[in-house]
Amino acid sequence: MIRTAFFAEEDNEDRPFAVDYVWYLWCGKDSPAFDKDKMATFERYFLKEKELHKEVKGHYYSLRNEEKVCDMLLDEFGVIGTHRHIINGHVPVKTIQGENPIKANGKMMVIDGGFSKAYHSETGIAGYTLVYHSRGFQLVQHEPFTSMQKAIEEGQDIKSSTQIVEMSTQRMMVKDTDKGRELVTQINDLKKLLMAYRTGLIKEKSI
């Protein structure tokens, strides 16, 4: 659908519907990718009345706090295991109002980059970076960057603080990953092939 909307020729009969579909996904009231009553970009640009700037959020923004709902979503996509998570980006976290990026008892993490200066007064920070390594998850919170002048004259850089989200006592090895399991299978196949040559089940042939 998206490819049709973007790449199809103007005279393609499927293109108008595809364009409308993508447009609705982007800003439609009941779109699962938007889930607000309206997109108030126009109002924020041209109208002074703050009450007209408000976008009323839908069910997603309340249900994402429910661990049961997150588990249902993970089950639906076939994600299994005790360390399963939903990583949700591009949604500003208003820490200035006490909002926490870790939701649903750790099942969901909201990690909007948030470096856009326009959001700093709304969120109070400059976004998050999620770090995933062999020990677990760490969430890095960034403070707003002041200015290049202060960075040069006073040596001020972007200040960050790290929060441990989930740490394991046992380090994850390559063999524990999906790719690692593929490599283990290939190694076992090569061992069987080597044994077949050594026992004579497969005869070497000169080329």
N, C-alpha and C. Protein backbone atom coordinates (compact mmCIF):
# COMPACT_ATOMS: atom_id res chain seq x y z
N MET A 1 0.82 -1.20 0.00
CA MET A 1 0.00 0.00 0.00
C MET A 1 0.87 1.27 0.00
N ILE A 2 1.87 1.29 0.88
CA ILE A 2 2.76 2.46 0.97
C ILE A 2 3.58 2.61 -0.31
N ARG A 3 4.05 1.49 -0.84
CA ARG A 3 4.82 1.54 -2.09
C ARG A 3 3.96 2.09 -3.23
N THR A 4 2.71 1.64 -3.28
CA THR A 4 1.80 2.12 -4.32
C THR A 4 1.59 3.63 -4.20
N ALA A 5 1.38 4.10 -2.97
CA ALA A 5 1.15 5.52 -2.75
C ALA A 5 2.36 6.36 -3.13
N PHE A 6 3.54 5.83 -2.88
CA PHE A 6 4.76 6.62 -3.09
C PHE A 6 5.34 6.48 -4.49
N PHE A 7 5.32 5.25 -5.02
CA PHE A 7 6.04 5.00 -6.27
C PHE A 7 5.15 4.93 -7.51
N ALA A 8 3.86 4.66 -7.33
CA ALA A 8 2.99 4.46 -8.50
C ALA A 8 2.87 5.72 -9.34
N GLU A 9 2.67 5.52 -10.64
CA GLU A 9 2.48 6.65 -11.56
C GLU A 9 1.14 7.35 -11.26
N GLU A 10 1.04 8.60 -11.68
CA GLU A 10 -0.16 9.39 -11.41
C GLU A 10 -1.43 8.75 -11.97
N ASP A 11 -1.30 8.07 -13.11
CA ASP A 11 -2.48 7.49 -13.76
C ASP A 11 -2.81 6.08 -13.27
N ASN A 12 -2.05 5.57 -12.29
CA ASN A 12 -2.33 4.25 -11.72
C ASN A 12 -3.65 4.30 -10.96
N GLU A 13 -4.60 3.42 -11.31
CA GLU A 13 -5.94 3.48 -10.71
C GLU A 13 -5.94 3.14 -9.22
N ASP A 14 -4.90 2.44 -8.75
CA ASP A 14 -4.83 2.08 -7.33
C ASP A 14 -4.21 3.18 -6.46
N ARG A 15 -3.58 4.16 -7.11
CA ARG A 15 -2.83 5.16 -6.35
C ARG A 15 -3.70 6.07 -5.48
N PRO A 16 -4.82 6.60 -5.95
CA PRO A 16 -5.63 7.49 -5.09
C PRO A 16 -6.05 6.85 -3.77
N PHE A 17 -6.50 5.58 -3.84
CA PHE A 17 -6.91 4.91 -2.61
C PHE A 17 -5.72 4.71 -1.68
N ALA A 18 -4.56 4.33 -2.26
CA ALA A 18 -3.36 4.11 -1.45
C ALA A 18 -2.92 5.39 -0.75
N VAL A 19 -2.97 6.52 -1.48
CA VAL A 19 -2.59 7.81 -0.90
C VAL A 19 -3.54 8.18 0.24
N ASP A 20 -4.84 7.99 0.02
CA ASP A 20 -5.82 8.29 1.08
C ASP A 20 -5.59 7.40 2.30
N TYR A 21 -5.27 6.14 2.06
CA TYR A 21 -5.07 5.17 3.14
C TYR A 21 -3.88 5.58 4.00
N VAL A 22 -2.77 5.92 3.34
CA VAL A 22 -1.56 6.32 4.07
C VAL A 22 -1.80 7.63 4.81
N TRP A 23 -2.51 8.55 4.17
CA TRP A 23 -2.83 9.83 4.81
C TRP A 23 -3.63 9.60 6.09
N TYR A 24 -4.62 8.69 6.03
CA TYR A 24 -5.44 8.42 7.21
C TYR A 24 -4.61 7.75 8.30
N LEU A 25 -3.71 6.83 7.91
CA LEU A 25 -2.85 6.20 8.90
C LEU A 25 -2.00 7.23 9.63
N TRP A 26 -1.60 8.27 8.89
CA TRP A 26 -0.74 9.29 9.47
C TRP A 26 -1.47 10.19 10.47
N CYS A 27 -2.70 10.59 10.14
CA CYS A 27 -3.36 11.58 11.00
C CYS A 27 -4.84 11.31 11.24
N GLY A 28 -5.34 10.12 10.90
CA GLY A 28 -6.75 9.81 11.10
C GLY A 28 -7.10 9.58 12.55
N LYS A 29 -8.29 10.00 12.94
CA LYS A 29 -8.72 9.92 14.34
C LYS A 29 -8.66 8.50 14.89
N ASP A 30 -9.07 7.51 14.10
CA ASP A 30 -9.10 6.13 14.58
C ASP A 30 -7.93 5.30 14.05
N SER A 31 -6.91 5.97 13.53
CA SER A 31 -5.74 5.25 13.03
C SER A 31 -4.92 4.69 14.18
N PRO A 32 -4.55 3.40 14.13
CA PRO A 32 -3.73 2.82 15.20
C PRO A 32 -2.33 3.42 15.25
N ALA A 33 -1.91 4.06 14.16
CA ALA A 33 -0.59 4.67 14.13
C ALA A 33 -0.60 6.12 14.63
N PHE A 34 -1.79 6.68 14.87
CA PHE A 34 -1.90 8.07 15.33
C PHE A 34 -2.62 8.15 16.67
N ASP A 35 -3.87 7.71 16.71
CA ASP A 35 -4.65 7.58 17.95
C ASP A 35 -4.79 8.89 18.73
N LYS A 36 -5.13 9.96 18.04
CA LYS A 36 -5.51 11.22 18.68
C LYS A 36 -6.76 11.75 17.97
N ASP A 37 -7.47 12.66 18.61
CA ASP A 37 -8.71 13.15 18.01
C ASP A 37 -8.46 14.05 16.81
N LYS A 38 -7.25 14.65 16.73
CA LYS A 38 -6.90 15.49 15.58
C LYS A 38 -5.40 15.75 15.59
N MET A 39 -4.89 16.24 14.47
CA MET A 39 -3.52 16.72 14.41
C MET A 39 -3.58 18.25 14.37
N ALA A 40 -3.07 18.88 15.43
CA ALA A 40 -3.25 20.32 15.60
C ALA A 40 -2.06 21.14 15.11
N THR A 41 -1.37 20.66 14.09
CA THR A 41 -0.21 21.39 13.56
C THR A 41 -0.61 22.77 13.06
N PHE A 42 -1.70 22.84 12.30
CA PHE A 42 -2.18 24.13 11.77
C PHE A 42 -2.48 25.10 12.90
N GLU A 43 -3.20 24.62 13.91
CA GLU A 43 -3.60 25.48 15.03
C GLU A 43 -2.38 26.03 15.77
N ARG A 44 -1.37 25.16 15.97
CA ARG A 44 -0.17 25.61 16.70
C ARG A 44 0.60 26.67 15.92
N TYR A 45 0.59 26.56 14.61
CA TYR A 45 1.30 27.53 13.77
C TYR A 45 0.59 28.89 13.69
N PHE A 46 -0.73 28.86 13.56
CA PHE A 46 -1.44 30.08 13.18
C PHE A 46 -2.42 30.64 14.20
N LEU A 47 -2.73 29.89 15.25
CA LEU A 47 -3.72 30.37 16.23
C LEU A 47 -3.09 30.54 17.61
N LYS A 48 -3.43 31.60 18.28
CA LYS A 48 -2.85 31.90 19.59
C LYS A 48 -3.53 31.14 20.72
N GLU A 49 -4.80 30.79 20.52
CA GLU A 49 -5.57 30.15 21.60
C GLU A 49 -4.99 28.76 21.92
N LYS A 50 -4.40 28.63 23.11
CA LYS A 50 -3.74 27.39 23.50
C LYS A 50 -4.70 26.20 23.56
N GLU A 51 -5.96 26.47 23.90
CA GLU A 51 -6.92 25.37 24.01
C GLU A 51 -7.16 24.68 22.67
N LEU A 52 -6.90 25.39 21.57
CA LEU A 52 -7.07 24.80 20.24
C LEU A 52 -5.87 23.96 19.82
N HIS A 53 -4.78 24.06 20.58
CA HIS A 53 -3.57 23.30 20.25
C HIS A 53 -3.63 21.88 20.80
N LYS A 54 -4.56 21.63 21.70
CA LYS A 54 -4.60 20.35 22.40
C LYS A 54 -5.04 19.21 21.49
N GLU A 55 -4.32 18.10 21.58
CA GLU A 55 -4.66 16.87 20.86
C GLU A 55 -5.04 15.82 21.91
N VAL A 56 -6.30 15.40 21.90
CA VAL A 56 -6.79 14.43 22.89
C VAL A 56 -6.33 13.03 22.49
N LYS A 57 -5.60 12.39 23.38
CA LYS A 57 -5.04 11.07 23.08
C LYS A 57 -6.09 9.97 23.24
N GLY A 58 -5.91 8.88 22.48
CA GLY A 58 -6.86 7.78 22.47
C GLY A 58 -6.49 6.65 23.41
N HIS A 59 -7.04 5.47 23.13
CA HIS A 59 -6.91 4.32 24.04
C HIS A 59 -5.47 3.82 24.16
N TYR A 60 -4.70 3.93 23.09
CA TYR A 60 -3.33 3.40 23.13
C TYR A 60 -2.54 3.98 24.30
N TYR A 61 -2.71 5.27 24.52
CA TYR A 61 -1.89 5.96 25.52
C TYR A 61 -2.24 5.57 26.95
N SER A 62 -3.41 4.98 27.17
CA SER A 62 -3.74 4.46 28.49
C SER A 62 -3.47 2.96 28.57
N LEU A 63 -3.78 2.25 27.49
CA LEU A 63 -3.60 0.79 27.51
C LEU A 63 -2.14 0.37 27.49
N ARG A 64 -1.25 1.24 27.00
CA ARG A 64 0.17 0.86 26.97
C ARG A 64 0.77 0.77 28.37
N ASN A 65 0.04 1.25 29.37
CA ASN A 65 0.50 1.14 30.75
C ASN A 65 0.10 -0.19 31.38
N GLU A 66 -0.72 -0.98 30.68
CA GLU A 66 -1.22 -2.24 31.21
C GLU A 66 -0.33 -3.40 30.78
N GLU A 67 0.23 -4.10 31.75
CA GLU A 67 1.11 -5.24 31.44
C GLU A 67 0.36 -6.33 30.67
N LYS A 68 -0.90 -6.56 31.03
CA LYS A 68 -1.70 -7.59 30.36
C LYS A 68 -1.87 -7.28 28.88
N VAL A 69 -2.09 -6.02 28.55
CA VAL A 69 -2.27 -5.61 27.15
C VAL A 69 -0.97 -5.80 26.38
N CYS A 70 0.15 -5.42 26.98
CA CYS A 70 1.46 -5.62 26.33
C CYS A 70 1.73 -7.10 26.09
N ASP A 71 1.37 -7.94 27.06
CA ASP A 71 1.55 -9.39 26.90
C ASP A 71 0.70 -9.92 25.75
N MET A 72 -0.52 -9.40 25.61
CA MET A 72 -1.39 -9.82 24.51
C MET A 72 -0.77 -9.46 23.16
N LEU A 73 -0.19 -8.27 23.06
CA LEU A 73 0.45 -7.85 21.82
C LEU A 73 1.66 -8.72 21.51
N LEU A 74 2.47 -8.98 22.51
CA LEU A 74 3.66 -9.82 22.33
C LEU A 74 3.27 -11.23 21.92
N ASP A 75 2.22 -11.76 22.54
CA ASP A 75 1.71 -13.10 22.17
C ASP A 75 1.25 -13.12 20.72
N GLU A 76 0.55 -12.05 20.31
CA GLU A 76 0.02 -11.96 18.96
C GLU A 76 1.13 -12.02 17.91
N PHE A 77 2.29 -11.45 18.24
CA PHE A 77 3.41 -11.44 17.30
C PHE A 77 4.38 -12.61 17.52
N GLY A 78 4.00 -13.54 18.39
CA GLY A 78 4.81 -14.74 18.59
C GLY A 78 6.11 -14.50 19.34
N VAL A 79 6.15 -13.44 20.14
CA VAL A 79 7.36 -13.15 20.93
C VAL A 79 7.26 -13.90 22.25
N ILE A 80 8.22 -14.77 22.51
CA ILE A 80 8.17 -15.60 23.72
C ILE A 80 9.39 -15.33 24.60
N GLY A 81 9.34 -15.83 25.82
CA GLY A 81 10.46 -15.68 26.74
C GLY A 81 10.16 -14.71 27.86
N THR A 82 11.01 -14.73 28.88
CA THR A 82 10.80 -13.88 30.05
C THR A 82 11.32 -12.46 29.84
N HIS A 83 12.22 -12.28 28.88
CA HIS A 83 12.83 -10.97 28.67
C HIS A 83 12.30 -10.32 27.39
N ARG A 84 11.01 -10.36 27.20
CA ARG A 84 10.41 -9.77 26.00
C ARG A 84 9.90 -8.36 26.30
N HIS A 85 10.04 -7.49 25.31
CA HIS A 85 9.69 -6.09 25.52
C HIS A 85 9.11 -5.49 24.24
N ILE A 86 8.35 -4.43 24.41
CA ILE A 86 7.91 -3.59 23.30
C ILE A 86 8.71 -2.30 23.38
N ILE A 87 9.41 -1.98 22.30
CA ILE A 87 10.19 -0.74 22.25
C ILE A 87 9.41 0.26 21.39
N ASN A 88 8.98 1.34 22.00
CA ASN A 88 8.12 2.32 21.35
C ASN A 88 8.87 3.64 21.18
N GLY A 89 9.12 4.03 19.93
CA GLY A 89 9.83 5.28 19.67
C GLY A 89 8.90 6.36 19.16
N HIS A 90 9.43 7.54 18.97
CA HIS A 90 8.74 8.68 18.35
C HIS A 90 7.53 9.17 19.15
N VAL A 91 7.53 8.92 20.45
CA VAL A 91 6.47 9.46 21.32
C VAL A 91 7.16 10.20 22.47
N PRO A 92 7.10 11.53 22.49
CA PRO A 92 7.79 12.29 23.54
C PRO A 92 7.35 11.88 24.94
N VAL A 93 8.30 11.78 25.85
CA VAL A 93 8.04 11.44 27.25
C VAL A 93 8.14 12.71 28.08
N LYS A 94 7.04 13.09 28.71
CA LYS A 94 6.99 14.35 29.45
C LYS A 94 7.49 14.15 30.88
N THR A 95 8.80 14.03 31.01
CA THR A 95 9.40 13.83 32.33
C THR A 95 9.16 15.03 33.24
N ILE A 96 8.98 16.20 32.64
CA ILE A 96 8.73 17.41 33.42
C ILE A 96 7.41 17.31 34.18
N GLN A 97 6.52 16.40 33.72
CA GLN A 97 5.24 16.17 34.40
C GLN A 97 5.26 14.86 35.19
N GLY A 98 6.46 14.26 35.31
CA GLY A 98 6.60 13.03 36.09
C GLY A 98 6.38 11.75 35.31
N GLU A 99 6.27 11.84 33.99
CA GLU A 99 6.06 10.63 33.18
C GLU A 99 7.32 9.78 33.14
N ASN A 100 7.13 8.48 33.19
CA ASN A 100 8.24 7.52 33.19
C ASN A 100 8.30 6.82 31.83
N PRO A 101 9.48 6.69 31.22
CA PRO A 101 9.58 6.01 29.93
C PRO A 101 9.41 4.49 30.02
N ILE A 102 9.51 3.95 31.24
CA ILE A 102 9.34 2.51 31.45
C ILE A 102 7.91 2.27 31.90
N LYS A 103 7.18 1.48 31.12
CA LYS A 103 5.75 1.30 31.38
C LYS A 103 5.39 -0.19 31.47
N ALA A 104 4.20 -0.45 31.98
CA ALA A 104 3.65 -1.81 32.06
C ALA A 104 4.61 -2.77 32.75
N ASN A 105 5.12 -2.33 33.91
CA ASN A 105 6.02 -3.18 34.70
C ASN A 105 7.25 -3.61 33.89
N GLY A 106 7.73 -2.72 33.04
CA GLY A 106 8.95 -2.99 32.27
C GLY A 106 8.72 -3.65 30.93
N LYS A 107 7.46 -3.96 30.59
CA LYS A 107 7.18 -4.62 29.31
C LYS A 107 7.31 -3.67 28.13
N MET A 108 7.10 -2.38 28.36
CA MET A 108 7.22 -1.39 27.29
C MET A 108 8.20 -0.29 27.68
N MET A 109 9.03 0.10 26.69
CA MET A 109 9.95 1.21 26.89
C MET A 109 9.73 2.24 25.79
N VAL A 110 9.51 3.48 26.18
CA VAL A 110 9.31 4.57 25.23
C VAL A 110 10.61 5.35 25.14
N ILE A 111 11.22 5.38 23.96
CA ILE A 111 12.58 5.92 23.84
C ILE A 111 12.68 6.99 22.76
N ASP A 112 11.73 7.88 22.70
CA ASP A 112 11.80 8.94 21.69
C ASP A 112 13.12 9.70 21.80
N GLY A 113 13.76 9.94 20.64
CA GLY A 113 15.03 10.65 20.64
C GLY A 113 14.90 12.03 21.25
N GLY A 114 13.88 12.79 20.83
CA GLY A 114 13.56 14.06 21.47
C GLY A 114 14.60 15.14 21.39
N PHE A 115 15.53 15.06 20.43
CA PHE A 115 16.55 16.10 20.34
C PHE A 115 16.00 17.41 19.78
N SER A 116 14.81 17.35 19.16
CA SER A 116 14.20 18.56 18.60
C SER A 116 13.98 19.60 19.70
N LYS A 117 14.52 20.79 19.48
CA LYS A 117 14.44 21.85 20.49
C LYS A 117 13.00 22.23 20.82
N ALA A 118 12.11 22.08 19.84
CA ALA A 118 10.71 22.44 20.05
C ALA A 118 10.05 21.63 21.15
N TYR A 119 10.55 20.42 21.42
CA TYR A 119 9.95 19.55 22.42
C TYR A 119 10.54 19.75 23.82
N HIS A 120 11.67 20.45 23.93
CA HIS A 120 12.36 20.52 25.21
C HIS A 120 11.52 21.15 26.31
N SER A 121 10.77 22.20 25.99
CA SER A 121 9.93 22.84 27.00
C SER A 121 8.76 21.95 27.40
N GLU A 122 8.37 21.05 26.51
CA GLU A 122 7.24 20.15 26.77
C GLU A 122 7.67 18.92 27.56
N THR A 123 8.88 18.41 27.26
CA THR A 123 9.35 17.17 27.89
C THR A 123 10.29 17.43 29.06
N GLY A 124 11.02 18.53 29.02
CA GLY A 124 11.98 18.83 30.08
C GLY A 124 13.35 18.23 29.84
N ILE A 125 13.47 17.39 28.81
CA ILE A 125 14.75 16.74 28.49
C ILE A 125 14.95 16.75 26.98
N ALA A 126 16.05 16.14 26.55
CA ALA A 126 16.33 16.04 25.11
C ALA A 126 16.26 14.60 24.63
N GLY A 127 15.39 13.82 25.26
CA GLY A 127 15.13 12.47 24.77
C GLY A 127 15.97 11.38 25.41
N TYR A 128 15.81 10.16 24.87
CA TYR A 128 16.44 8.97 25.43
C TYR A 128 17.20 8.19 24.36
N THR A 129 18.16 7.42 24.82
CA THR A 129 18.81 6.41 23.99
C THR A 129 18.73 5.09 24.74
N LEU A 130 18.27 4.05 24.07
CA LEU A 130 18.21 2.72 24.68
C LEU A 130 19.47 1.95 24.30
N VAL A 131 20.19 1.49 25.30
CA VAL A 131 21.43 0.73 25.08
C VAL A 131 21.16 -0.72 25.45
N TYR A 132 21.38 -1.62 24.49
CA TYR A 132 21.17 -3.05 24.73
C TYR A 132 22.50 -3.77 24.52
N HIS A 133 22.94 -4.47 25.53
CA HIS A 133 24.20 -5.20 25.43
C HIS A 133 24.05 -6.57 26.07
N SER A 134 25.16 -7.28 26.22
CA SER A 134 25.11 -8.67 26.67
C SER A 134 24.62 -8.83 28.11
N ARG A 135 24.60 -7.74 28.87
CA ARG A 135 24.13 -7.80 30.25
C ARG A 135 22.67 -7.40 30.40
N GLY A 136 22.12 -6.66 29.44
CA GLY A 136 20.73 -6.24 29.55
C GLY A 136 20.47 -4.89 28.91
N PHE A 137 19.50 -4.15 29.50
CA PHE A 137 19.07 -2.86 28.96
C PHE A 137 19.50 -1.72 29.88
N GLN A 138 19.92 -0.62 29.25
CA GLN A 138 20.15 0.62 29.98
C GLN A 138 19.49 1.75 29.21
N LEU A 139 18.87 2.65 29.94
CA LEU A 139 18.19 3.80 29.34
C LEU A 139 18.99 5.05 29.68
N VAL A 140 19.43 5.76 28.64
CA VAL A 140 20.24 6.97 28.84
C VAL A 140 19.37 8.20 28.57
N GLN A 141 19.25 9.05 29.58
CA GLN A 141 18.45 10.27 29.46
C GLN A 141 19.36 11.46 29.17
N HIS A 142 19.03 12.23 28.13
CA HIS A 142 19.88 13.35 27.71
C HIS A 142 19.27 14.69 28.12
N GLU A 143 20.14 15.56 28.61
CA GLU A 143 19.72 16.92 28.92
C GLU A 143 19.83 17.79 27.66
N PRO A 144 19.03 18.84 27.55
CA PRO A 144 19.08 19.69 26.34
C PRO A 144 20.46 20.30 26.12
N PHE A 145 20.85 20.38 24.87
CA PHE A 145 22.11 21.02 24.48
C PHE A 145 21.90 22.53 24.49
N THR A 146 22.76 23.26 25.20
CA THR A 146 22.56 24.70 25.36
C THR A 146 22.92 25.47 24.09
N SER A 147 24.21 25.49 23.74
CA SER A 147 24.63 26.21 22.53
C SER A 147 26.04 25.81 22.16
N MET A 148 26.40 26.02 20.89
CA MET A 148 27.75 25.74 20.43
C MET A 148 28.75 26.66 21.12
N GLN A 149 28.33 27.90 21.37
CA GLN A 149 29.22 28.86 22.00
C GLN A 149 29.63 28.41 23.40
N LYS A 150 28.64 27.94 24.19
CA LYS A 150 28.95 27.46 25.53
C LYS A 150 29.76 26.17 25.49
N ALA A 151 29.49 25.35 24.48
CA ALA A 151 30.25 24.11 24.34
C ALA A 151 31.72 24.40 24.08
N ILE A 152 31.99 25.45 23.29
CA ILE A 152 33.37 25.82 22.95
C ILE A 152 34.04 26.59 24.09
N GLU A 153 33.34 27.60 24.62
CA GLU A 153 33.94 28.48 25.61
C GLU A 153 34.00 27.86 27.01
N GLU A 154 32.97 27.10 27.38
CA GLU A 154 32.89 26.56 28.73
C GLU A 154 33.04 25.05 28.79
N GLY A 155 33.18 24.44 27.62
CA GLY A 155 33.35 22.98 27.58
C GLY A 155 32.09 22.23 27.94
N GLN A 156 30.93 22.90 27.82
CA GLN A 156 29.66 22.23 28.13
C GLN A 156 29.26 21.29 27.01
N ASP A 157 28.94 20.09 27.36
CA ASP A 157 28.50 19.10 26.38
C ASP A 157 27.10 18.64 26.77
N ILE A 158 26.55 17.73 26.01
CA ILE A 158 25.25 17.17 26.36
C ILE A 158 25.42 16.28 27.59
N LYS A 159 24.71 16.61 28.66
CA LYS A 159 24.80 15.82 29.88
C LYS A 159 23.79 14.68 29.82
N SER A 160 24.23 13.52 30.27
CA SER A 160 23.36 12.34 30.21
C SER A 160 23.41 11.60 31.54
N SER A 161 22.31 10.95 31.88
CA SER A 161 22.26 10.09 33.06
C SER A 161 21.74 8.73 32.63
N THR A 162 22.28 7.69 33.25
CA THR A 162 21.96 6.31 32.85
C THR A 162 21.10 5.62 33.90
N GLN A 163 20.07 4.94 33.43
CA GLN A 163 19.18 4.18 34.31
C GLN A 163 19.20 2.72 33.87
N ILE A 164 19.48 1.82 34.79
CA ILE A 164 19.47 0.39 34.48
C ILE A 164 18.03 -0.09 34.45
N VAL A 165 17.63 -0.66 33.33
CA VAL A 165 16.25 -1.14 33.16
C VAL A 165 16.16 -2.61 33.52
N GLU A 166 17.08 -3.38 32.98
CA GLU A 166 17.05 -4.83 33.20
C GLU A 166 18.46 -5.37 33.05
N MET A 167 18.98 -6.02 34.08
CA MET A 167 20.32 -6.58 34.03
C MET A 167 20.27 -8.05 34.40
N SER A 168 21.07 -8.85 33.69
CA SER A 168 21.11 -10.29 33.93
C SER A 168 22.41 -10.65 34.64
N THR A 169 22.34 -11.63 35.53
CA THR A 169 23.55 -12.09 36.22
C THR A 169 24.44 -12.89 35.28
N GLN A 170 23.83 -13.43 34.24
CA GLN A 170 24.59 -14.23 33.26
C GLN A 170 24.65 -13.49 31.94
N ARG A 171 25.86 -13.23 31.48
CA ARG A 171 26.05 -12.49 30.23
C ARG A 171 25.53 -13.29 29.04
N MET A 172 24.82 -12.63 28.14
CA MET A 172 24.35 -13.28 26.93
C MET A 172 25.51 -13.48 25.96
N MET A 173 25.66 -14.69 25.47
CA MET A 173 26.73 -15.00 24.52
C MET A 173 26.17 -15.01 23.10
N VAL A 174 27.06 -15.04 22.12
CA VAL A 174 26.63 -15.09 20.73
C VAL A 174 25.75 -16.31 20.49
N LYS A 175 26.07 -17.42 21.12
CA LYS A 175 25.31 -18.66 20.93
C LYS A 175 23.87 -18.55 21.42
N ASP A 176 23.60 -17.56 22.28
CA ASP A 176 22.25 -17.38 22.82
C ASP A 176 21.35 -16.55 21.92
N THR A 177 21.91 -15.96 20.87
CA THR A 177 21.14 -15.12 19.95
C THR A 177 20.58 -15.96 18.81
N ASP A 178 19.64 -15.39 18.04
CA ASP A 178 19.08 -16.10 16.88
C ASP A 178 20.18 -16.45 15.89
N LYS A 179 21.06 -15.48 15.61
CA LYS A 179 22.16 -15.73 14.68
C LYS A 179 23.11 -16.77 15.24
N GLY A 180 23.33 -16.72 16.54
CA GLY A 180 24.20 -17.71 17.18
C GLY A 180 23.67 -19.12 17.03
N ARG A 181 22.35 -19.28 17.16
CA ARG A 181 21.76 -20.62 17.00
C ARG A 181 21.91 -21.12 15.57
N GLU A 182 21.84 -20.18 14.60
CA GLU A 182 22.08 -20.56 13.20
C GLU A 182 23.51 -21.04 13.02
N LEU A 183 24.45 -20.34 13.63
CA LEU A 183 25.87 -20.71 13.51
C LEU A 183 26.14 -22.06 14.16
N VAL A 184 25.50 -22.33 15.30
CA VAL A 184 25.67 -23.63 15.97
C VAL A 184 25.17 -24.75 15.07
N THR A 185 24.03 -24.54 14.40
CA THR A 185 23.50 -25.54 13.47
C THR A 185 24.47 -25.78 12.32
N GLN A 186 25.05 -24.71 11.77
CA GLN A 186 26.02 -24.85 10.68
C GLN A 186 27.27 -25.59 11.15
N ILE A 187 27.73 -25.30 12.36
CA ILE A 187 28.91 -25.99 12.91
C ILE A 187 28.63 -27.48 13.06
N ASN A 188 27.46 -27.83 13.58
CA ASN A 188 27.10 -29.24 13.74
C ASN A 188 27.02 -29.95 12.39
N ASP A 189 26.49 -29.26 11.38
CA ASP A 189 26.43 -29.85 10.03
C ASP A 189 27.83 -30.10 9.48
N LEU A 190 28.73 -29.15 9.70
CA LEU A 190 30.11 -29.31 9.23
C LEU A 190 30.82 -30.45 9.96
N LYS A 191 30.54 -30.61 11.24
CA LYS A 191 31.13 -31.72 12.00
C LYS A 191 30.65 -33.07 11.46
N LYS A 192 29.36 -33.14 11.13
CA LYS A 192 28.82 -34.37 10.55
C LYS A 192 29.45 -34.67 9.20
N LEU A 193 29.64 -33.61 8.41
CA LEU A 193 30.27 -33.78 7.10
C LEU A 193 31.70 -34.25 7.25
N LEU A 194 32.43 -33.68 8.20
CA LEU A 194 33.81 -34.10 8.46
C LEU A 194 33.87 -35.56 8.89
N MET A 195 32.94 -35.96 9.77
CA MET A 195 32.89 -37.35 10.22
C MET A 195 32.59 -38.30 9.07
N ALA A 196 31.72 -37.88 8.16
CA ALA A 196 31.38 -38.71 7.00
C ALA A 196 32.60 -38.94 6.11
N TYR A 197 33.43 -37.91 5.94
CA TYR A 197 34.66 -38.07 5.16
C TYR A 197 35.65 -38.98 5.88
N ARG A 198 35.78 -38.81 7.19
CA ARG A 198 36.77 -39.58 7.95
C ARG A 198 36.40 -41.06 8.02
N THR A 199 35.12 -41.36 8.07
CA THR A 199 34.69 -42.76 8.17
C THR A 199 34.49 -43.42 6.81
N GLY A 200 34.63 -42.64 5.75
CA GLY A 200 34.51 -43.20 4.41
C GLY A 200 33.10 -43.23 3.86
N LEU A 201 32.13 -42.66 4.59
CA LEU A 201 30.77 -42.61 4.07
C LEU A 201 30.71 -41.76 2.80
N ILE A 202 31.54 -40.74 2.77
CA ILE A 202 31.67 -39.92 1.57
C ILE A 202 33.11 -40.02 1.08
N LYS A 203 33.28 -40.37 -0.17
CA LYS A 203 34.62 -40.55 -0.74
C LYS A 203 35.11 -39.23 -1.36
N GLU A 204 36.37 -38.94 -1.10
CA GLU A 204 36.97 -37.76 -1.72
C GLU A 204 37.20 -38.02 -3.20
N LYS A 205 36.97 -37.00 -3.99
CA LYS A 205 37.18 -37.12 -5.43
C LYS A 205 38.16 -36.05 -5.88
N SER A 206 39.08 -36.46 -6.74
CA SER A 206 40.03 -35.49 -7.28
C SER A 206 39.36 -34.68 -8.38
N ILE A 207 39.66 -33.43 -8.43
CA ILE A 207 39.06 -32.55 -9.43
C ILE A 207 40.04 -32.32 -10.57
